[in-house]
Structure formats: structure tokens, C-alpha cells
Amino acid sequence: MTSLPSTAATDSQPVAAVAGVTVRYGPTTALDDVSLGFPSGVTGLLGPNGAGKSTLLSLLSTARRPRSGTVTLLGESASGRARVQRLRQRIGVLPQSFGFYPRFTALEFTEYAAWLRKVPAAQRRERAYEALRLVQMEKHADRRMGALSGGMLRRVGIAQAMVNEPSLVLLDEPTVGLDPAQRVGFRSLIKELGDRCAVVMSTHLAEDVAHVCDRVAVLLEGTARFTGTVAELCALPEGGTASEGADPDEATGTEVDGGAVEAGYLHLAGMETVAT
């Protein structure tokens, strides 16, 4: 794909941010006064089901407005109809479950996504092919969506999220339902996306965070309990260490793995790991 606009960011000027946001569904508070910033690279939203991860992604995608607080995307306030429509053209989204016409080919589906995001007509076919090449699905461009495996569907889902060459990509539980081999390949793909743009990925899998993310935010019961590097999360339990052969955290050089991430998460949740 063509080179993307720079998404370089600092802690004072992240690619995306929420400040004091609260979201309620009737009597249930999904997010309670949450403030988080998301710089370039891959940031993981780690937490159990019902922690508020998907709700936070819906705010960052502009699909939902907070009851209170502010959302800032790509240096602009996510408010005002014209501004929001413009911002949506620079955002890519992969929901946990996405709809599609089963008789569409992978190429047609990706072109359709390009049309929805107002990619110029003369560029849609080329952009769709480039997005499919990015996820190694170009050889299956003419296969119908209804005939694709689960792993292939998730790759096409990434392609449609990248077809508009976004500056911010939001992934909701992207590895759920994949077998171990597919999950490994998908993690490599997400890391590559992090070199192109800012990625925010929700997950409840510690292994995803360990192998993919530069930074992590832990959500528990609608509140942000931690934000920092993956290595910093692993260091929370007293005496916590990473296992030999784990992936290095690029910011600190510290090796991390799923077990160390899980220990840090359980420490925040007020739980202890169980020795086996």
C-alpha cells in the first residue's frame, strides 16, 4: 500500500484519547470516568468480558458518544457531524463479528468497504487489491465470502479495515475463534499493522498482549486500572519475572510472555496465580 501519513505521537499528543468518559446502558455503567491515551504502535485493551473494552472501541470509532467526557481522534475533537464524518474516513474498524454478503467475493467485499469509506472511485479496485495483499489474501480475491474459513474471514476483515489507508485501526477481539496456528499468523499481521498506523486491540487473552502489544491498558468493571508498557504490567507482582524465550518488550528490552502478563493482570484484579 502507499505510504501512510505519520502517526508519530507522544504521551502529550496521542493519536487517540478519551478524557473522563462515562457511558451507561440504563442502570449499568459500562465506563466510569475513564481517561486513556493511545500513541502510535499497538495498544492492547486487556480485561474480561463486560469490562467495557468494546464500549471504549465504539467511542474511538465514533459509533457512540459518551454520556460525559471527551474523545479526541487524530488531533481533533470527535464532535460535530462534519468533523466526525471526516474522521471516519481515516479510521479502520474490525468488529468481533462483522456482517457480509456471502456471495460477495473477497475483492468485492473489500471494494464495498472502500466505497463506504469514500475512497475515490478510481482508486477502489487498486486499494482493495493492495489491502488483500497486505493480509496475504490476494490469491483468494475471487473466492466468495461464504466459502472462506474463519481465519480467512478475519484476514479479509483486516483488509476492509485497512482499505482506506487509515491512521487509526480498531480491532475488537481479533483472534477469538482462531486455532493456534491461525492465531500465531494473525499476531504477526497485527504487529505489522502497528508499524503502519496506530492500532488499538481489545482482548481477554494475555498471550495476545505479550506477543503483539507495545503498550497495554487494563479495564476492570468499567474503570482503567493500569496503563503503561507490557513490561511494566509484568513487573507489578512482587518478584514477577518473564519466562526464558519470551518476546522482548521493544521499549525496555525486557522479555515478556503470556504468563507474566497474566500475573500482572491478576495482581490488578486482586487475585493470585495458582501454582501448577
Protein backbone atom coordinates (compact mmCIF):
# COMPACT_ATOMS: atom_id res chain seq x y z
CA MET A 1 0.00 0.00 0.00
CA THR A 2 1.14 3.57 -0.39
CA SER A 3 2.92 5.24 2.49
CA LEU A 4 0.61 6.39 5.26
CA PRO A 5 0.58 9.78 6.99
CA SER A 6 2.84 9.83 10.02
CA THR A 7 1.09 8.81 13.23
CA ALA A 8 4.04 9.61 15.45
CA ALA A 9 2.72 10.65 18.84
CA THR A 10 3.86 11.47 22.31
CA ASP A 11 2.12 10.90 25.62
CA SER A 12 1.01 14.56 25.49
CA GLN A 13 -0.42 14.23 21.98
CA PRO A 14 -1.61 10.67 21.36
CA VAL A 15 -3.21 9.50 18.14
CA ALA A 16 -6.46 8.93 20.06
CA ALA A 17 -7.57 9.75 23.59
CA VAL A 18 -10.54 9.73 25.90
CA ALA A 19 -10.80 12.03 28.91
CA GLY A 20 -13.25 11.50 31.76
CA VAL A 21 -15.65 9.45 29.62
CA THR A 22 -18.67 7.78 31.18
CA VAL A 23 -21.08 5.52 29.30
CA ARG A 24 -24.22 3.99 30.78
CA TYR A 25 -26.70 1.45 29.43
CA GLY A 26 -29.77 2.07 31.55
CA PRO A 27 -28.76 1.40 35.16
CA THR A 28 -25.47 -0.26 34.11
CA THR A 29 -22.29 1.82 33.93
CA ALA A 30 -20.09 0.43 31.13
CA LEU A 31 -17.32 3.03 31.51
CA ASP A 32 -16.85 5.15 34.61
CA ASP A 33 -14.74 8.33 34.26
CA VAL A 34 -12.10 6.68 32.05
CA SER A 35 -9.13 8.67 30.74
CA LEU A 36 -6.65 6.97 28.38
CA GLY A 37 -4.30 7.96 25.57
CA PHE A 38 -3.32 5.77 22.64
CA PRO A 39 0.01 6.51 20.91
CA SER A 40 1.35 5.00 17.70
CA GLY A 41 2.11 1.27 17.67
CA VAL A 42 -0.16 -1.42 19.12
CA THR A 43 -2.03 -0.79 22.37
CA GLY A 44 -3.93 -3.66 23.96
CA LEU A 45 -7.14 -3.26 25.93
CA LEU A 46 -7.00 -6.18 28.35
CA GLY A 47 -9.90 -7.22 30.51
CA PRO A 48 -12.66 -9.80 31.00
CA ASN A 49 -15.93 -9.83 29.11
CA GLY A 50 -18.08 -6.94 30.29
CA ALA A 51 -15.11 -4.78 31.34
CA GLY A 52 -16.00 -2.01 28.86
CA LYS A 53 -13.49 -2.81 26.11
CA SER A 54 -15.99 -2.90 23.23
CA THR A 55 -17.73 0.20 24.55
CA LEU A 56 -14.42 2.06 24.55
CA LEU A 57 -13.75 0.97 20.97
CA SER A 58 -17.20 2.21 19.98
CA LEU A 59 -16.25 5.65 21.32
CA LEU A 60 -12.97 5.64 19.39
CA SER A 61 -14.78 4.61 16.20
CA THR A 62 -17.32 7.47 16.68
CA ALA A 63 -20.16 4.93 16.68
CA ARG A 64 -21.13 6.05 20.18
CA ARG A 65 -20.94 9.29 22.13
CA PRO A 66 -20.11 9.35 25.85
CA ARG A 67 -22.61 10.49 28.46
CA SER A 68 -19.85 12.76 29.72
CA GLY A 69 -16.20 13.42 28.88
CA THR A 70 -14.39 13.99 25.58
CA VAL A 71 -12.99 11.89 22.74
CA THR A 72 -10.07 13.17 20.66
CA LEU A 73 -9.06 11.47 17.41
CA LEU A 74 -6.09 12.31 15.20
CA GLY A 75 -5.67 15.66 16.91
CA GLU A 76 -9.34 16.70 16.61
CA SER A 77 -12.34 16.61 18.90
CA ALA A 78 -14.72 13.85 17.86
CA SER A 79 -17.74 16.14 17.89
CA GLY A 80 -19.76 17.84 15.19
CA ARG A 81 -21.31 15.91 12.30
CA ALA A 82 -18.99 17.19 9.55
CA ARG A 83 -15.84 16.60 11.62
CA VAL A 84 -16.93 13.11 12.66
CA GLN A 85 -17.65 12.12 9.05
CA ARG A 86 -14.21 13.34 8.04
CA LEU A 87 -12.53 11.45 10.89
CA ARG A 88 -14.31 8.21 9.96
CA GLN A 89 -12.53 8.25 6.62
CA ARG A 90 -9.20 7.94 8.48
CA ILE A 91 -10.25 5.13 10.83
CA GLY A 92 -10.40 1.38 10.18
CA VAL A 93 -12.55 -0.95 12.30
CA LEU A 94 -12.72 -4.74 12.66
CA PRO A 95 -15.67 -5.68 14.92
CA GLN A 96 -15.63 -9.00 16.73
CA SER A 97 -18.41 -10.10 14.37
CA PHE A 98 -18.89 -8.34 11.06
CA GLY A 99 -21.64 -8.82 8.53
CA PHE A 100 -21.12 -9.59 4.86
CA TYR A 101 -22.97 -10.81 1.81
CA PRO A 102 -21.87 -14.45 1.43
CA ARG A 103 -21.98 -14.23 -2.39
CA PHE A 104 -19.59 -11.28 -2.45
CA THR A 105 -16.05 -12.23 -3.35
CA ALA A 106 -13.27 -11.13 -1.03
CA LEU A 107 -12.36 -8.44 -3.56
CA GLU A 108 -15.96 -7.21 -3.92
CA PHE A 109 -16.37 -7.04 -0.15
CA THR A 110 -13.16 -5.05 0.26
CA GLU A 111 -14.14 -2.72 -2.58
CA TYR A 112 -17.51 -2.23 -0.91
CA ALA A 113 -15.73 -1.21 2.29
CA ALA A 114 -13.66 1.27 0.25
CA TRP A 115 -16.88 2.77 -1.13
CA LEU A 116 -18.34 3.09 2.37
CA ARG A 117 -15.23 4.98 3.49
CA LYS A 118 -15.42 7.29 0.47
CA VAL A 119 -12.24 6.11 -1.23
CA PRO A 120 -12.27 7.76 -4.70
CA ALA A 121 -13.85 5.50 -7.32
CA ALA A 122 -10.72 5.46 -9.49
CA GLN A 123 -8.68 4.06 -6.57
CA ARG A 124 -11.07 1.50 -5.08
CA ARG A 125 -10.02 -1.58 -7.06
CA GLU A 126 -6.29 -0.90 -6.56
CA ARG A 127 -6.76 -0.17 -2.85
CA ALA A 128 -8.78 -3.37 -2.43
CA TYR A 129 -6.09 -5.49 -4.08
CA GLU A 130 -3.36 -3.81 -2.01
CA ALA A 131 -5.30 -4.45 1.21
CA LEU A 132 -5.77 -8.11 0.31
CA ARG A 133 -2.05 -8.41 -0.48
CA LEU A 134 -1.26 -6.96 2.94
CA VAL A 135 -3.14 -9.82 4.62
CA GLN A 136 -1.90 -12.45 2.13
CA MET A 137 -5.34 -12.99 0.63
CA GLU A 138 -4.68 -11.78 -2.91
CA LYS A 139 -4.72 -15.35 -4.26
CA HIS A 140 -8.22 -15.76 -2.86
CA ALA A 141 -9.59 -12.43 -4.10
CA ASP A 142 -12.19 -14.16 -6.29
CA ARG A 143 -13.42 -16.61 -3.66
CA ARG A 144 -16.86 -15.95 -2.22
CA MET A 145 -17.02 -14.79 1.37
CA GLY A 146 -19.40 -17.61 2.31
CA ALA A 147 -16.77 -20.18 1.26
CA LEU A 148 -13.88 -18.77 3.33
CA SER A 149 -12.58 -20.35 6.52
CA GLY A 150 -12.75 -18.49 9.81
CA GLY A 151 -9.11 -17.45 9.59
CA MET A 152 -9.54 -16.21 6.02
CA LEU A 153 -12.61 -14.22 7.01
CA ARG A 154 -10.66 -12.49 9.78
CA ARG A 155 -7.91 -11.61 7.28
CA VAL A 156 -10.46 -10.12 4.89
CA GLY A 157 -11.84 -8.26 7.89
CA ILE A 158 -8.41 -6.72 8.41
CA ALA A 159 -8.23 -5.91 4.68
CA GLN A 160 -11.51 -3.99 4.78
CA ALA A 161 -10.26 -2.11 7.85
CA MET A 162 -7.07 -1.10 6.01
CA VAL A 163 -8.52 -0.34 2.57
CA ASN A 164 -8.81 3.39 3.28
CA GLU A 165 -5.18 3.55 4.50
CA PRO A 166 -6.26 4.65 7.99
CA SER A 167 -4.21 6.41 10.63
CA LEU A 168 -6.05 4.55 13.41
CA VAL A 169 -7.22 0.91 13.38
CA LEU A 170 -9.54 -0.59 16.00
CA LEU A 171 -9.64 -4.37 16.46
CA ASP A 172 -12.24 -6.00 18.72
CA GLU A 173 -11.10 -9.45 19.95
CA PRO A 174 -9.42 -10.21 16.58
CA THR A 175 -8.07 -13.67 17.49
CA VAL A 176 -11.25 -15.10 19.04
CA GLY A 177 -12.30 -18.33 17.33
CA LEU A 178 -8.97 -18.90 15.60
CA ASP A 179 -6.99 -22.11 16.02
CA PRO A 180 -3.45 -21.86 17.48
CA ALA A 181 -1.69 -21.75 14.10
CA GLN A 182 -4.07 -19.09 12.78
CA ARG A 183 -3.61 -17.07 15.96
CA VAL A 184 0.18 -17.02 15.55
CA GLY A 185 -0.13 -15.78 11.96
CA PHE A 186 -2.69 -13.18 12.94
CA ARG A 187 -0.47 -11.83 15.70
CA SER A 188 2.34 -11.29 13.19
CA LEU A 189 -0.07 -9.42 10.94
CA ILE A 190 -1.23 -7.14 13.77
CA LYS A 191 2.37 -6.31 14.68
CA GLU A 192 2.94 -5.33 11.05
CA LEU A 193 -0.11 -3.07 11.17
CA GLY A 194 1.42 -1.36 14.20
CA ASP A 195 4.35 -0.29 12.02
CA ARG A 196 1.91 1.40 9.61
CA CYS A 197 -0.55 3.12 11.93
CA ALA A 198 -1.84 3.31 15.48
CA VAL A 199 -3.68 0.12 16.49
CA VAL A 200 -5.98 -0.36 19.48
CA MET A 201 -6.83 -4.03 20.07
CA SER A 202 -9.25 -5.35 22.68
CA THR A 203 -8.61 -8.84 24.02
CA HIS A 204 -9.07 -11.02 27.06
CA LEU A 205 -6.05 -13.18 26.11
CA ALA A 206 -2.80 -12.41 27.92
CA GLU A 207 -0.85 -14.17 25.16
CA ASP A 208 -2.13 -11.67 22.57
CA VAL A 209 -0.84 -8.79 24.67
CA ALA A 210 2.54 -10.44 25.27
CA HIS A 211 3.19 -11.22 21.61
CA VAL A 212 1.65 -8.19 19.89
CA CYS A 213 1.37 -5.06 22.02
CA ASP A 214 3.74 -2.20 22.73
CA ARG A 215 1.50 -0.82 25.47
CA VAL A 216 -1.47 -2.11 27.43
CA ALA A 217 -4.43 -0.66 29.31
CA VAL A 218 -6.27 -2.90 31.78
CA LEU A 219 -10.02 -2.36 32.14
CA LEU A 220 -11.88 -3.88 35.07
CA GLU A 221 -15.57 -3.22 35.80
CA GLY A 222 -15.62 -0.15 33.58
CA THR A 223 -12.58 1.56 35.07
CA ALA A 224 -8.98 1.86 33.85
CA ARG A 225 -6.79 0.13 36.44
CA PHE A 226 -3.48 0.35 34.58
CA THR A 227 -1.84 1.89 31.52
CA GLY A 228 1.80 1.51 30.50
CA THR A 229 4.21 -0.80 28.70
CA VAL A 230 3.71 -4.54 28.72
CA ALA A 231 6.92 -4.94 30.73
CA GLU A 232 5.60 -2.52 33.36
CA LEU A 233 2.44 -4.62 33.71
CA CYS A 234 4.55 -7.75 34.13
CA ALA A 235 6.59 -6.07 36.87
CA LEU A 236 3.57 -5.35 39.08
CA PRO A 237 3.52 -8.60 41.08
CA GLU A 238 6.26 -8.75 43.70
CA GLY A 239 9.12 -10.79 42.29
CA GLY A 240 7.37 -11.18 38.93
CA THR A 241 9.67 -12.29 36.12
CA ALA A 242 9.29 -13.22 32.48
CA SER A 243 9.96 -16.71 31.17
CA GLU A 244 13.03 -17.66 29.18
CA GLY A 245 12.47 -17.44 25.43
CA ALA A 246 9.65 -14.92 25.67
CA ASP A 247 9.24 -12.00 23.29
CA PRO A 248 11.26 -8.87 24.19
CA ASP A 249 9.42 -5.66 25.01
CA GLU A 250 10.84 -3.23 22.46
CA ALA A 251 10.61 -0.20 24.73
CA THR A 252 12.60 -1.72 27.61
CA GLY A 253 14.33 -4.80 26.22
CA THR A 254 12.64 -6.87 28.92
CA GLU A 255 11.35 -10.27 27.87
CA VAL A 256 7.66 -10.87 28.45
CA ASP A 257 5.28 -13.77 27.95
CA GLY A 258 1.65 -14.62 28.45
CA GLY A 259 2.22 -15.95 31.96
CA ALA A 260 3.91 -12.76 33.13
CA VAL A 261 1.18 -10.61 31.59
CA GLU A 262 -1.47 -12.76 33.25
CA ALA A 263 0.28 -12.43 36.62
CA GLY A 264 0.28 -8.65 36.31
CA TYR A 265 -3.38 -8.66 35.32
CA LEU A 266 -4.39 -10.91 38.21
CA HIS A 267 -2.44 -8.69 40.58
CA LEU A 268 -4.55 -5.71 39.46
CA ALA A 269 -7.72 -7.78 39.81
CA GLY A 270 -6.80 -8.67 43.40
CA MET A 271 -6.29 -12.32 42.56
CA GLU A 272 -3.31 -14.63 42.85
CA THR A 273 -1.90 -17.06 40.31
CA VAL A 274 -2.30 -20.72 41.17
CA ALA A 275 0.83 -22.84 41.01
CA THR A 276 0.61 -25.96 38.87
